[in-house]
Each structure stands twice: as C-alpha cells, then as structure tokens.
C-alpha cells in the first residue's frame, strides 16, 4: 500500500464539517427587539463586548439577508403575526434565539395580551434567561449555537426537516373554520384543526339568545 505525503497546505475533512464551519462563523442576526432586552442587544454589538469576535456582527433588518432571529423582549399577540411573517421570509438554514424571560416564558407579563413563550409559534434553538440578560449571556448563547451548528448541521440541510423543528406554527386566527395564515411567502395550511386552530383573541360573533324566565303562554 502506497503512502502519499500531503503538503502542509492541504487539509482533509468532511463536507458537513466544512459547511458547518462556514455557517457558524457567518451568522447574520435579524434583531427583533421590543423591550429592554433590545438595549442589551445593542450593547452586545458595541465596542465593549464586540460580537464581531464571534463572526455574528452583521445585523441586517431584511429577513432575506438573515439566518439568525434574535427575539429580544416581550411579544404581544398583535405583534406575533408580524414575527411569524419575518420568520417565514428568512431563508433556510435559519436559527432562533429567545433572549430574556419575556420572550421565553412571558416574564412578569402573565396576561392574555402577551405571548407566554415564542416557542409556541417559532422553533427556538437557544434560550437566554434573565430580565434583562447581560451581553455576556447572549454571547454565550451564540457560542452554544455555533457548537450546535457544528455538531448537528449537514451540507444538504437534512436536520431542517426534523418534524419537531418544521412543525407548523400556531397562527392567531379570527375564524377557526378557515385554519390558514396568509403571509407574503404563501398560505401556510394547518393539517389538523386542533389546538393550533383554536382562536386566541377573537371573541364569539354569535349573539347570545335571549333567556326567558318563564313561559308566558303557559299561564294563559
């Protein structure tokens, strides 16, 4: 068996490892900041913490140029369809970080108007606890996400077809008889009209029938 000595400038690796190495160091975040966590997100990109050291400093406000959604702050029910639309407009592969207690669990806003965790509607890869979390916590979440991309990613995106990740989001529907969510990327059908198709904010449009205390015709 002949042994061939490779030169020093040649490296042998797997295609998946090479593609994942490129992906994890070229994250383009899509900031979705709605509250005080957005200030910490700005501080993470500033010169003191310098998120550019980890290859994730290219903040873009166009979903067609981003692959990392960072939801920083509370999300109300009226804003959830906008967040869903931005997420659907982002190209695969894409990832999501839930920053802060409000985005992860609703935080102190335990009300009907605030989403009690964005993972009910979006597949979240990393959770950042805190109210608000420090920039170091967000940087650690990005580092953990990079490790996840390196270990689980594939060149052809097979991991993106995981049913737990690609499950349809629960839309905010006004009419449960029509379980579809109109978005710019197309209509997102819901296969089963179960809990996902249950209206959350829309009240019942059927008027209550008048109640009669007694039958007046019976007395006559």
N, C-alpha and C. Protein backbone atom coordinates (compact mmCIF):
# COMPACT_ATOMS: atom_id res chain seq x y z
N UNK A 1 0.84 -1.19 0.00
CA UNK A 1 0.00 0.00 0.00
C UNK A 1 0.88 1.24 0.00
N UNK A 2 0.63 2.10 -0.96
CA UNK A 2 1.46 3.28 -1.12
C UNK A 2 0.95 4.40 -0.23
N UNK A 3 1.85 5.03 0.48
CA UNK A 3 1.50 6.15 1.35
C UNK A 3 1.95 7.45 0.68
N UNK A 4 1.01 8.37 0.54
CA UNK A 4 1.29 9.63 -0.12
C UNK A 4 1.35 10.72 0.94
N UNK A 5 2.42 11.47 0.95
CA UNK A 5 2.58 12.59 1.89
C UNK A 5 1.93 13.84 1.31
N UNK A 6 1.00 14.38 2.04
CA UNK A 6 0.32 15.59 1.60
C UNK A 6 1.11 16.83 2.00
N UNK A 7 1.07 17.84 1.20
CA UNK A 7 1.77 19.09 1.59
C UNK A 7 1.08 19.75 2.78
N UNK A 8 1.77 20.72 3.34
CA UNK A 8 1.26 21.37 4.55
C UNK A 8 0.02 22.21 4.30
N UNK A 9 -0.20 22.64 3.09
CA UNK A 9 -1.34 23.49 2.78
C UNK A 9 -2.57 22.71 2.34
N UNK A 10 -2.62 21.39 2.57
CA UNK A 10 -3.74 20.54 2.21
C UNK A 10 -4.33 19.96 3.48
N UNK A 11 -5.64 20.07 3.62
CA UNK A 11 -6.35 19.54 4.78
C UNK A 11 -7.48 18.66 4.29
N UNK A 12 -7.63 17.49 4.89
CA UNK A 12 -8.68 16.54 4.55
C UNK A 12 -9.76 16.61 5.64
N UNK A 13 -11.00 16.77 5.21
CA UNK A 13 -12.11 16.87 6.15
C UNK A 13 -13.38 16.37 5.48
N UNK A 14 -14.47 16.37 6.25
CA UNK A 14 -15.77 16.02 5.71
C UNK A 14 -16.47 17.26 5.18
N UNK A 15 -17.33 17.05 4.21
CA UNK A 15 -18.06 18.18 3.63
C UNK A 15 -18.99 18.82 4.66
N UNK A 16 -19.64 17.99 5.48
CA UNK A 16 -20.53 18.53 6.50
C UNK A 16 -19.77 19.40 7.49
N UNK A 17 -18.59 18.96 7.91
CA UNK A 17 -17.80 19.74 8.86
C UNK A 17 -17.36 21.06 8.26
N UNK A 18 -16.99 21.05 6.97
CA UNK A 18 -16.55 22.28 6.32
C UNK A 18 -17.71 23.26 6.16
N UNK A 19 -18.88 22.77 5.74
CA UNK A 19 -20.04 23.64 5.57
C UNK A 19 -20.49 24.21 6.91
N UNK A 20 -20.50 23.38 7.95
CA UNK A 20 -20.91 23.86 9.27
C UNK A 20 -19.93 24.88 9.83
N UNK A 21 -18.65 24.69 9.54
CA UNK A 21 -17.65 25.66 9.99
C UNK A 21 -17.89 27.02 9.35
N UNK A 22 -18.27 27.01 8.07
CA UNK A 22 -18.57 28.28 7.39
C UNK A 22 -19.86 28.90 7.92
N UNK A 23 -20.86 28.08 8.21
CA UNK A 23 -22.14 28.60 8.67
C UNK A 23 -22.02 29.23 10.05
N UNK A 24 -21.34 28.58 10.96
CA UNK A 24 -21.33 29.06 12.34
C UNK A 24 -20.53 30.34 12.51
N UNK A 25 -19.62 30.62 11.60
CA UNK A 25 -18.84 31.86 11.69
C UNK A 25 -19.32 32.92 10.71
N UNK A 26 -20.51 32.73 10.17
CA UNK A 26 -21.07 33.74 9.25
C UNK A 26 -22.55 33.97 9.56
N UNK A 27 -22.90 34.02 10.84
CA UNK A 27 -24.27 34.26 11.24
C UNK A 27 -24.63 35.74 11.03
N UNK A 28 -25.76 35.96 10.41
CA UNK A 28 -26.26 37.32 10.20
C UNK A 28 -27.54 37.48 11.01
N UNK A 29 -27.47 38.15 12.15
CA UNK A 29 -28.64 38.23 13.03
C UNK A 29 -29.71 39.17 12.48
N UNK A 30 -30.95 38.78 12.75
CA UNK A 30 -32.13 39.61 12.49
C UNK A 30 -32.66 40.05 13.84
N UNK A 31 -32.37 41.28 14.30
CA UNK A 31 -32.81 41.70 15.63
C UNK A 31 -34.29 42.04 15.64
N UNK A 32 -35.01 41.42 16.57
CA UNK A 32 -36.42 41.72 16.78
C UNK A 32 -36.55 42.16 18.24
N UNK A 33 -36.20 43.42 18.49
CA UNK A 33 -36.15 43.96 19.85
C UNK A 33 -37.39 44.78 20.13
N UNK A 34 -38.07 44.46 21.21
CA UNK A 34 -39.32 45.14 21.56
C UNK A 34 -39.30 45.76 22.95
N UNK A 35 -38.27 45.50 23.75
CA UNK A 35 -38.27 46.00 25.13
C UNK A 35 -36.84 46.22 25.60
N UNK A 36 -36.64 46.15 26.92
CA UNK A 36 -35.33 46.50 27.49
C UNK A 36 -34.25 45.52 27.07
N UNK A 37 -34.60 44.29 26.66
CA UNK A 37 -33.59 43.37 26.17
C UNK A 37 -32.92 43.89 24.91
N UNK A 38 -33.63 44.75 24.17
CA UNK A 38 -33.03 45.33 22.98
C UNK A 38 -31.84 46.22 23.30
N UNK A 39 -31.86 46.88 24.46
CA UNK A 39 -30.72 47.70 24.87
C UNK A 39 -29.50 46.82 25.12
N UNK A 40 -29.72 45.68 25.77
CA UNK A 40 -28.60 44.75 25.98
C UNK A 40 -28.11 44.17 24.67
N UNK A 41 -29.02 43.98 23.72
CA UNK A 41 -28.61 43.51 22.40
C UNK A 41 -27.75 44.54 21.69
N UNK A 42 -28.10 45.81 21.83
CA UNK A 42 -27.26 46.87 21.26
C UNK A 42 -25.90 46.91 21.92
N UNK A 43 -25.87 46.71 23.24
CA UNK A 43 -24.59 46.71 23.95
C UNK A 43 -23.71 45.54 23.52
N UNK A 44 -24.34 44.43 23.14
CA UNK A 44 -23.56 43.28 22.69
C UNK A 44 -22.83 43.58 21.38
N UNK A 45 -23.46 44.37 20.54
CA UNK A 45 -22.82 44.72 19.27
C UNK A 45 -21.91 45.91 19.35
N UNK A 46 -21.83 46.58 20.51
CA UNK A 46 -20.98 47.76 20.66
C UNK A 46 -19.53 47.34 20.87
N UNK A 47 -18.68 48.34 21.05
CA UNK A 47 -17.24 48.09 21.08
C UNK A 47 -16.78 47.40 22.36
N UNK A 48 -17.52 47.54 23.46
CA UNK A 48 -17.07 46.95 24.73
C UNK A 48 -17.09 45.41 24.66
N UNK A 49 -18.19 44.85 24.16
CA UNK A 49 -18.31 43.39 24.09
C UNK A 49 -17.94 42.86 22.70
N UNK A 50 -18.22 43.62 21.65
CA UNK A 50 -17.71 43.33 20.31
C UNK A 50 -18.08 41.93 19.85
N UNK A 51 -19.34 41.79 19.46
CA UNK A 51 -19.81 40.49 18.98
C UNK A 51 -19.15 40.08 17.66
N UNK A 52 -18.43 41.02 17.03
CA UNK A 52 -17.73 40.69 15.79
C UNK A 52 -16.63 39.67 16.01
N UNK A 53 -16.17 39.49 17.24
CA UNK A 53 -15.15 38.49 17.51
C UNK A 53 -15.64 37.08 17.22
N UNK A 54 -16.96 36.90 17.21
CA UNK A 54 -17.54 35.58 17.01
C UNK A 54 -18.21 35.44 15.64
N UNK A 55 -17.98 36.39 14.77
CA UNK A 55 -18.48 36.29 13.41
C UNK A 55 -19.97 36.45 13.28
N UNK A 56 -20.60 37.23 14.17
CA UNK A 56 -22.06 37.41 14.12
C UNK A 56 -22.43 38.87 14.29
N UNK A 57 -21.64 39.73 13.68
CA UNK A 57 -21.88 41.17 13.87
C UNK A 57 -22.66 41.81 12.73
N UNK A 58 -22.97 41.06 11.68
CA UNK A 58 -23.62 41.64 10.51
C UNK A 58 -25.13 41.68 10.76
N UNK A 59 -25.57 42.69 11.49
CA UNK A 59 -27.01 42.85 11.75
C UNK A 59 -27.68 43.39 10.48
N UNK A 60 -28.72 42.71 10.08
CA UNK A 60 -29.49 43.14 8.91
C UNK A 60 -30.97 43.19 9.29
N UNK A 61 -31.65 44.18 8.77
CA UNK A 61 -33.07 44.34 9.06
C UNK A 61 -33.94 43.88 7.89
N UNK A 62 -33.37 43.06 7.04
CA UNK A 62 -34.12 42.44 5.96
C UNK A 62 -34.09 40.94 6.18
N UNK A 63 -35.25 40.28 6.29
CA UNK A 63 -35.23 38.83 6.55
C UNK A 63 -34.60 38.01 5.43
N UNK A 64 -34.49 38.56 4.24
CA UNK A 64 -33.91 37.83 3.12
C UNK A 64 -32.39 37.79 3.19
N UNK A 65 -31.80 38.52 4.13
CA UNK A 65 -30.35 38.53 4.29
C UNK A 65 -29.90 37.95 5.62
N UNK A 66 -30.82 37.43 6.43
CA UNK A 66 -30.50 36.98 7.78
C UNK A 66 -30.76 35.48 7.91
N UNK A 67 -30.04 34.87 8.86
CA UNK A 67 -30.26 33.47 9.17
C UNK A 67 -30.34 33.21 10.66
N UNK A 68 -30.29 34.26 11.48
CA UNK A 68 -30.39 34.11 12.94
C UNK A 68 -31.39 35.13 13.47
N UNK A 69 -32.52 34.65 13.96
CA UNK A 69 -33.52 35.52 14.56
C UNK A 69 -33.24 35.65 16.06
N UNK A 70 -33.06 36.90 16.53
CA UNK A 70 -32.87 37.16 17.96
C UNK A 70 -34.08 37.94 18.44
N UNK A 71 -34.96 37.27 19.18
CA UNK A 71 -36.16 37.91 19.73
C UNK A 71 -35.81 38.42 21.11
N UNK A 72 -35.68 39.73 21.24
CA UNK A 72 -35.25 40.36 22.50
C UNK A 72 -36.41 41.17 23.06
N UNK A 73 -37.05 40.64 24.07
CA UNK A 73 -38.15 41.38 24.71
C UNK A 73 -39.47 40.67 24.55
N UNK A 74 -40.48 41.25 25.17
CA UNK A 74 -41.82 40.64 25.15
C UNK A 74 -42.45 40.80 23.76
N UNK A 75 -43.29 39.85 23.42
CA UNK A 75 -44.01 39.85 22.16
C UNK A 75 -45.50 39.76 22.47
N UNK A 76 -46.25 40.73 22.02
CA UNK A 76 -47.68 40.74 22.27
C UNK A 76 -48.39 40.00 21.15
N UNK A 77 -49.65 39.66 21.39
CA UNK A 77 -50.41 38.89 20.41
C UNK A 77 -50.57 39.62 19.08
N UNK A 78 -50.73 40.93 19.13
CA UNK A 78 -50.90 41.69 17.89
C UNK A 78 -49.61 41.74 17.08
N UNK A 79 -48.46 41.55 17.73
CA UNK A 79 -47.18 41.58 17.03
C UNK A 79 -46.75 40.19 16.55
N UNK A 80 -47.38 39.14 17.07
CA UNK A 80 -46.95 37.78 16.73
C UNK A 80 -47.10 37.46 15.24
N UNK A 81 -48.17 37.85 14.55
CA UNK A 81 -48.22 37.59 13.10
C UNK A 81 -47.08 38.25 12.33
N UNK A 82 -46.63 39.42 12.77
CA UNK A 82 -45.50 40.09 12.12
C UNK A 82 -44.23 39.28 12.32
N UNK A 83 -44.03 38.79 13.55
CA UNK A 83 -42.85 37.97 13.82
C UNK A 83 -42.88 36.68 13.01
N UNK A 84 -44.05 36.06 12.90
CA UNK A 84 -44.16 34.85 12.09
C UNK A 84 -43.86 35.12 10.63
N UNK A 85 -44.33 36.24 10.13
CA UNK A 85 -44.09 36.56 8.72
C UNK A 85 -42.60 36.78 8.45
N UNK A 86 -41.92 37.47 9.35
CA UNK A 86 -40.48 37.68 9.19
C UNK A 86 -39.75 36.35 9.23
N UNK A 87 -40.16 35.47 10.13
CA UNK A 87 -39.51 34.16 10.24
C UNK A 87 -39.70 33.34 8.97
N UNK A 88 -40.89 33.36 8.40
CA UNK A 88 -41.14 32.60 7.19
C UNK A 88 -40.41 33.18 5.98
N UNK A 89 -40.11 34.47 6.02
CA UNK A 89 -39.39 35.09 4.91
C UNK A 89 -37.89 34.83 4.97
N UNK A 90 -37.37 34.40 6.10
CA UNK A 90 -35.95 34.09 6.22
C UNK A 90 -35.65 32.76 5.52
N UNK A 91 -34.51 32.72 4.86
CA UNK A 91 -34.13 31.53 4.10
C UNK A 91 -33.49 30.49 5.03
N UNK A 92 -33.67 29.24 4.65
CA UNK A 92 -33.01 28.14 5.36
C UNK A 92 -31.55 28.05 4.90
N UNK A 93 -30.66 27.59 5.80
CA UNK A 93 -30.89 27.25 7.20
C UNK A 93 -30.98 28.50 8.06
N UNK A 94 -31.80 28.45 9.10
CA UNK A 94 -32.01 29.58 9.99
C UNK A 94 -32.19 29.07 11.41
N UNK A 95 -31.88 29.96 12.34
CA UNK A 95 -31.93 29.60 13.75
C UNK A 95 -32.58 30.73 14.53
N UNK A 96 -32.97 30.44 15.76
CA UNK A 96 -33.68 31.42 16.57
C UNK A 96 -33.14 31.39 17.99
N UNK A 97 -32.93 32.58 18.56
CA UNK A 97 -32.53 32.74 19.96
C UNK A 97 -33.60 33.54 20.67
N UNK A 98 -34.12 32.99 21.77
CA UNK A 98 -35.10 33.66 22.60
C UNK A 98 -34.35 34.36 23.73
N UNK A 99 -34.27 35.68 23.68
CA UNK A 99 -33.46 36.45 24.61
C UNK A 99 -34.33 37.06 25.68
N UNK A 100 -34.10 36.66 26.92
CA UNK A 100 -34.82 37.25 28.04
C UNK A 100 -35.99 36.40 28.50
N UNK A 101 -36.42 36.67 29.73
CA UNK A 101 -37.53 35.91 30.31
C UNK A 101 -38.84 36.20 29.61
N UNK A 102 -39.04 37.42 29.12
CA UNK A 102 -40.30 37.78 28.48
C UNK A 102 -40.50 37.02 27.18
N UNK A 103 -39.46 36.92 26.37
CA UNK A 103 -39.57 36.19 25.10
C UNK A 103 -39.66 34.69 25.33
N UNK A 104 -39.06 34.20 26.42
CA UNK A 104 -39.01 32.75 26.66
C UNK A 104 -40.27 32.23 27.34
N UNK A 105 -40.78 32.98 28.34
CA UNK A 105 -41.91 32.49 29.12
C UNK A 105 -42.98 33.54 29.35
N UNK A 106 -42.83 34.73 28.82
CA UNK A 106 -43.77 35.81 29.12
C UNK A 106 -43.33 36.69 30.27
N UNK A 107 -42.37 36.20 31.08
CA UNK A 107 -41.84 37.00 32.17
C UNK A 107 -42.90 37.40 33.19
N UNK A 108 -42.84 38.65 33.61
CA UNK A 108 -43.80 39.16 34.59
C UNK A 108 -45.13 39.51 33.95
N UNK A 109 -45.19 39.47 32.63
CA UNK A 109 -46.42 39.85 31.92
C UNK A 109 -47.28 38.60 31.70
N UNK A 110 -47.86 38.11 32.78
CA UNK A 110 -48.72 36.93 32.72
C UNK A 110 -50.14 37.39 32.40
N UNK A 111 -50.33 37.86 31.19
CA UNK A 111 -51.62 38.39 30.76
C UNK A 111 -52.00 37.76 29.43
N UNK A 112 -53.26 37.96 29.05
CA UNK A 112 -53.76 37.40 27.80
C UNK A 112 -53.16 38.10 26.59
N UNK A 113 -52.63 39.31 26.76
CA UNK A 113 -52.14 40.09 25.62
C UNK A 113 -50.70 39.79 25.26
N UNK A 114 -49.95 39.08 26.11
CA UNK A 114 -48.54 38.81 25.89
C UNK A 114 -48.36 37.32 25.62
N UNK A 115 -47.55 36.99 24.62
CA UNK A 115 -47.28 35.60 24.28
C UNK A 115 -46.45 34.97 25.39
N UNK A 116 -46.93 33.89 25.94
CA UNK A 116 -46.24 33.19 27.04
C UNK A 116 -45.20 32.21 26.47
N UNK A 117 -44.23 32.77 25.78
CA UNK A 117 -43.18 31.95 25.19
C UNK A 117 -43.31 31.87 23.68
N UNK A 118 -42.32 32.39 22.96
CA UNK A 118 -42.40 32.40 21.49
C UNK A 118 -42.22 31.01 20.91
N UNK A 119 -41.78 30.03 21.73
CA UNK A 119 -41.65 28.68 21.20
C UNK A 119 -42.99 28.03 20.90
N UNK A 120 -44.08 28.69 21.26
CA UNK A 120 -45.39 28.20 20.85
C UNK A 120 -45.63 28.43 19.36
N UNK A 121 -44.88 29.34 18.77
CA UNK A 121 -45.09 29.70 17.38
C UNK A 121 -43.84 29.53 16.53
N UNK A 122 -42.65 29.61 17.13
CA UNK A 122 -41.40 29.50 16.39
C UNK A 122 -40.54 28.42 17.00
N UNK A 123 -39.74 27.71 16.20
CA UNK A 123 -38.78 26.74 16.76
C UNK A 123 -37.56 27.47 17.32
N UNK A 124 -37.38 27.42 18.62
CA UNK A 124 -36.30 28.14 19.30
C UNK A 124 -35.13 27.18 19.51
N UNK A 125 -33.93 27.65 19.18
CA UNK A 125 -32.72 26.85 19.36
C UNK A 125 -32.03 27.12 20.68
N UNK A 126 -32.00 28.38 21.12
CA UNK A 126 -31.31 28.73 22.35
C UNK A 126 -32.19 29.69 23.17
N UNK A 127 -32.20 29.46 24.49
CA UNK A 127 -32.91 30.33 25.41
C UNK A 127 -31.88 31.07 26.27
N UNK A 128 -32.10 32.37 26.45
CA UNK A 128 -31.21 33.19 27.28
C UNK A 128 -32.03 33.69 28.47
N UNK A 129 -31.79 33.18 29.68
CA UNK A 129 -32.55 33.64 30.84
C UNK A 129 -32.10 35.02 31.29
N UNK A 130 -32.94 35.64 32.12
CA UNK A 130 -32.59 36.95 32.65
C UNK A 130 -33.62 38.00 32.33
N UNK A 131 -33.62 39.06 33.11
CA UNK A 131 -34.59 40.13 32.92
C UNK A 131 -33.96 41.49 33.28
N UNK A 132 -33.26 42.12 32.35
CA UNK A 132 -32.81 41.56 31.06
C UNK A 132 -31.49 40.83 31.23
N UNK A 133 -31.13 39.95 30.32
CA UNK A 133 -29.84 39.26 30.41
C UNK A 133 -28.68 40.17 30.03
N UNK A 134 -27.54 39.85 30.56
CA UNK A 134 -26.34 40.60 30.26
C UNK A 134 -25.83 40.25 28.85
N UNK A 135 -25.04 41.15 28.25
CA UNK A 135 -24.47 40.82 26.93
C UNK A 135 -23.63 39.55 26.94
N UNK A 136 -22.98 39.27 28.08
CA UNK A 136 -22.18 38.04 28.14
C UNK A 136 -23.05 36.80 27.99
N UNK A 137 -24.28 36.86 28.48
CA UNK A 137 -25.18 35.71 28.33
C UNK A 137 -25.58 35.49 26.88
N UNK A 138 -25.82 36.57 26.17
CA UNK A 138 -26.16 36.44 24.75
C UNK A 138 -24.97 35.91 23.96
N UNK A 139 -23.77 36.37 24.29
CA UNK A 139 -22.58 35.87 23.61
C UNK A 139 -22.40 34.38 23.87
N UNK A 140 -22.67 33.95 25.12
CA UNK A 140 -22.57 32.53 25.43
C UNK A 140 -23.61 31.72 24.65
N UNK A 141 -24.81 32.28 24.47
CA UNK A 141 -25.83 31.60 23.68
C UNK A 141 -25.40 31.46 22.22
N UNK A 142 -24.74 32.47 21.70
CA UNK A 142 -24.24 32.39 20.31
C UNK A 142 -23.14 31.34 20.19
N UNK A 143 -22.27 31.28 21.20
CA UNK A 143 -21.22 30.25 21.19
C UNK A 143 -21.84 28.85 21.24
N UNK A 144 -22.84 28.68 22.11
CA UNK A 144 -23.51 27.37 22.19
C UNK A 144 -24.23 27.04 20.88
N UNK A 145 -24.81 28.05 20.24
CA UNK A 145 -25.47 27.81 18.96
C UNK A 145 -24.46 27.42 17.90
N UNK A 146 -23.29 28.03 17.93
CA UNK A 146 -22.25 27.65 16.97
C UNK A 146 -21.81 26.21 17.16
N UNK A 147 -21.73 25.78 18.41
CA UNK A 147 -21.39 24.38 18.66
C UNK A 147 -22.50 23.45 18.16
N UNK A 148 -23.74 23.86 18.34
CA UNK A 148 -24.86 23.05 17.86
C UNK A 148 -24.84 22.95 16.34
N UNK A 149 -24.55 24.06 15.67
CA UNK A 149 -24.48 24.04 14.20
C UNK A 149 -23.36 23.13 13.73
N UNK A 150 -22.21 23.18 14.42
CA UNK A 150 -21.07 22.35 14.02
C UNK A 150 -21.35 20.87 14.21
N UNK A 151 -22.12 20.51 15.25
CA UNK A 151 -22.34 19.09 15.56
C UNK A 151 -23.51 18.50 14.78
N UNK A 152 -24.57 19.26 14.61
CA UNK A 152 -25.81 18.70 14.06
C UNK A 152 -26.09 19.11 12.62
N UNK A 153 -25.36 20.08 12.08
CA UNK A 153 -25.66 20.54 10.73
C UNK A 153 -25.16 19.59 9.66
N UNK A 154 -25.84 19.62 8.53
CA UNK A 154 -25.43 18.83 7.37
C UNK A 154 -25.36 19.73 6.15
N UNK A 155 -24.60 19.29 5.17
CA UNK A 155 -24.40 20.12 3.98
C UNK A 155 -25.69 20.30 3.20
N UNK A 156 -26.57 19.29 3.22
CA UNK A 156 -27.81 19.35 2.44
C UNK A 156 -29.01 19.71 3.30
N UNK A 157 -28.78 20.08 4.57
CA UNK A 157 -29.87 20.55 5.41
C UNK A 157 -30.85 19.47 5.83
N UNK A 158 -30.40 18.24 6.07
CA UNK A 158 -31.30 17.18 6.49
C UNK A 158 -31.90 17.45 7.87
N UNK A 159 -31.14 18.14 8.72
CA UNK A 159 -31.64 18.39 10.08
C UNK A 159 -32.79 19.38 10.08
N UNK A 160 -32.95 20.13 8.99
CA UNK A 160 -34.02 21.12 8.91
C UNK A 160 -35.38 20.48 8.68
N UNK A 161 -35.41 19.22 8.29
CA UNK A 161 -36.66 18.51 8.05
C UNK A 161 -37.13 17.71 9.26
N UNK A 162 -36.53 17.98 10.40
CA UNK A 162 -36.96 17.33 11.63
C UNK A 162 -38.39 17.76 11.95
N UNK A 163 -39.32 16.82 12.20
CA UNK A 163 -40.71 17.22 12.49
C UNK A 163 -40.83 18.12 13.70
N UNK A 164 -39.93 17.97 14.67
CA UNK A 164 -40.02 18.84 15.84
C UNK A 164 -39.63 20.28 15.52
N UNK A 165 -38.85 20.46 14.46
CA UNK A 165 -38.43 21.81 14.09
C UNK A 165 -39.34 22.43 13.04
N UNK A 166 -39.79 21.60 12.09
CA UNK A 166 -40.58 22.12 10.99
C UNK A 166 -42.08 22.03 11.23
N UNK A 167 -42.50 21.84 12.47
CA UNK A 167 -43.93 21.77 12.74
C UNK A 167 -44.57 23.12 12.43
N UNK A 168 -45.80 23.13 11.95
CA UNK A 168 -46.44 24.40 11.60
C UNK A 168 -46.69 25.25 12.83
N UNK A 169 -46.49 26.55 12.74
CA UNK A 169 -46.76 27.43 13.89
C UNK A 169 -48.25 27.55 14.14
N UNK A 170 -48.58 27.97 15.35
CA UNK A 170 -49.97 28.17 15.71
C UNK A 170 -50.35 29.60 15.39
N UNK A 171 -51.14 29.81 14.34
CA UNK A 171 -51.47 31.18 13.94
C UNK A 171 -52.55 31.77 14.83
N UNK A 172 -52.63 33.08 14.82
CA UNK A 172 -53.70 33.79 15.52
C UNK A 172 -54.86 33.92 14.55
N UNK A 173 -55.87 33.13 14.74
CA UNK A 173 -56.96 33.04 13.79
C UNK A 173 -58.19 33.74 14.33
N UNK A 174 -58.87 34.43 13.45
CA UNK A 174 -60.14 35.04 13.81
C UNK A 174 -61.31 34.12 13.47
N UNK A 175 -61.11 33.25 12.49
CA UNK A 175 -62.16 32.33 12.06
C UNK A 175 -61.60 30.91 12.15
N UNK A 176 -61.98 30.11 13.16
CA UNK A 176 -61.42 28.75 13.27
C UNK A 176 -61.85 27.84 12.14
N UNK A 177 -62.89 28.22 11.37
CA UNK A 177 -63.31 27.38 10.25
C UNK A 177 -62.36 27.45 9.08
N UNK A 178 -61.47 28.45 9.06
CA UNK A 178 -60.51 28.62 7.97
C UNK A 178 -59.10 28.66 8.56
N UNK A 179 -58.52 27.51 8.91
CA UNK A 179 -57.22 27.49 9.59
C UNK A 179 -56.05 27.71 8.63
N UNK A 180 -55.91 28.92 8.13
CA UNK A 180 -54.79 29.28 7.28
C UNK A 180 -54.25 30.62 7.76
N UNK A 181 -52.97 30.82 7.53
CA UNK A 181 -52.31 32.07 7.91
C UNK A 181 -51.81 32.74 6.65
N UNK A 182 -52.41 33.83 6.18
CA UNK A 182 -51.92 34.48 4.97
C UNK A 182 -50.63 35.23 5.24
N UNK A 183 -49.58 34.87 4.53
CA UNK A 183 -48.29 35.54 4.63
C UNK A 183 -47.80 35.84 3.23
N UNK A 184 -46.77 36.65 3.14
CA UNK A 184 -46.26 37.04 1.83
C UNK A 184 -45.60 35.87 1.13
N UNK A 185 -45.09 34.90 1.90
CA UNK A 185 -44.43 33.74 1.29
C UNK A 185 -45.41 32.68 0.84
N UNK A 186 -46.69 32.90 0.99
CA UNK A 186 -47.69 31.91 0.60
C UNK A 186 -48.65 31.67 1.75
N UNK A 187 -49.54 30.74 1.57
CA UNK A 187 -50.51 30.39 2.60
C UNK A 187 -50.01 29.15 3.33
N UNK A 188 -49.98 29.24 4.64
CA UNK A 188 -49.43 28.19 5.48
C UNK A 188 -50.58 27.34 6.01
N UNK A 189 -50.86 26.16 5.44
CA UNK A 189 -52.02 25.39 5.87
C UNK A 189 -51.78 24.69 7.20
N UNK A 190 -52.82 24.47 7.92
CA UNK A 190 -52.78 23.70 9.15
C UNK A 190 -53.46 22.36 8.87
N UNK A 191 -52.73 21.28 9.12
CA UNK A 191 -53.27 19.97 8.78
C UNK A 191 -54.43 19.58 9.69
N UNK A 192 -54.22 19.69 10.98
CA UNK A 192 -55.25 19.29 11.93
C UNK A 192 -55.78 20.52 12.63
N UNK A 193 -57.08 20.65 12.64
CA UNK A 193 -57.71 21.80 13.29
C UNK A 193 -57.90 21.50 14.77
N UNK A 194 -56.81 21.35 15.48
CA UNK A 194 -56.87 21.07 16.91
C UNK A 194 -56.56 22.30 17.71
N UNK A 195 -55.57 22.17 18.60
CA UNK A 195 -55.19 23.31 19.43
C UNK A 195 -54.59 24.43 18.61
N UNK A 196 -53.94 24.08 17.48
CA UNK A 196 -53.33 25.11 16.64
C UNK A 196 -54.37 26.00 16.00
N UNK A 197 -55.54 25.49 15.73
CA UNK A 197 -56.56 26.26 15.03
C UNK A 197 -57.55 26.90 16.00
N UNK A 198 -57.23 26.90 17.27
CA UNK A 198 -58.14 27.48 18.24
C UNK A 198 -57.94 28.99 18.30
N UNK A 199 -58.94 29.79 18.18
CA UNK A 199 -58.75 31.24 18.26
C UNK A 199 -58.34 31.66 19.65
N UNK A 200 -57.47 32.68 19.71
CA UNK A 200 -56.95 33.13 20.99
C UNK A 200 -57.52 34.48 21.42
N UNK A 201 -57.73 35.34 20.46
CA UNK A 201 -58.18 36.69 20.81
C UNK A 201 -59.55 37.01 20.27
N UNK A 202 -59.97 36.34 19.22
CA UNK A 202 -61.22 36.70 18.57
C UNK A 202 -62.41 36.27 19.43
N UNK A 203 -63.29 37.16 19.80
CA UNK A 203 -64.46 36.76 20.58
C UNK A 203 -65.50 36.10 19.69
N UNK A 204 -66.46 35.49 20.31
CA UNK A 204 -67.52 34.84 19.56
C UNK A 204 -68.42 35.89 18.94
N UNK A 205 -68.69 35.71 17.65
CA UNK A 205 -69.51 36.66 16.92
C UNK A 205 -71.00 36.32 16.97
N UNK A 206 -71.34 35.14 17.50
CA UNK A 206 -72.74 34.75 17.57
C UNK A 206 -73.41 35.41 18.77
N UNK A 207 -74.49 36.12 18.55
CA UNK A 207 -75.15 36.78 19.69
C UNK A 207 -75.80 35.75 20.59
N UNK A 208 -75.81 36.06 21.88
CA UNK A 208 -76.42 35.16 22.84
C UNK A 208 -77.94 35.23 22.71
N UNK A 209 -78.62 34.10 22.64
CA UNK A 209 -80.09 34.14 22.54
C UNK A 209 -80.71 34.66 23.83
N UNK A 210 -81.79 35.40 23.74
CA UNK A 210 -82.42 35.93 24.96
C UNK A 210 -83.00 34.82 25.81
N UNK A 211 -82.79 34.96 27.10
CA UNK A 211 -83.29 33.95 28.02
C UNK A 211 -84.65 34.38 28.57
N UNK A 212 -85.57 33.43 28.62
CA UNK A 212 -86.91 33.69 29.14
C UNK A 212 -87.02 33.02 30.51
N UNK A 213 -87.42 33.79 31.48
CA UNK A 213 -87.52 33.25 32.83
C UNK A 213 -88.66 32.26 32.97
N UNK A 214 -89.73 32.47 32.24
CA UNK A 214 -90.86 31.56 32.31
C UNK A 214 -91.64 31.62 31.00
N UNK A 215 -92.45 30.65 30.80
CA UNK A 215 -93.25 30.57 29.58
C UNK A 215 -94.57 31.32 29.82
N UNK A 216 -94.69 32.48 29.16
CA UNK A 216 -95.89 33.29 29.38
C UNK A 216 -97.11 32.66 28.76
N UNK A 217 -96.95 31.86 27.68
CA UNK A 217 -98.11 31.25 27.01
C UNK A 217 -98.74 30.16 27.86
N UNK A 218 -97.91 29.58 28.76
CA UNK A 218 -98.47 28.51 29.57
C UNK A 218 -99.47 29.02 30.57
N UNK A 219 -99.31 30.30 31.04
CA UNK A 219 -100.23 30.85 32.03
C UNK A 219 -101.58 31.19 31.42
N UNK A 220 -101.62 31.53 30.15
CA UNK A 220 -102.88 31.86 29.51
C UNK A 220 -103.61 30.61 29.05
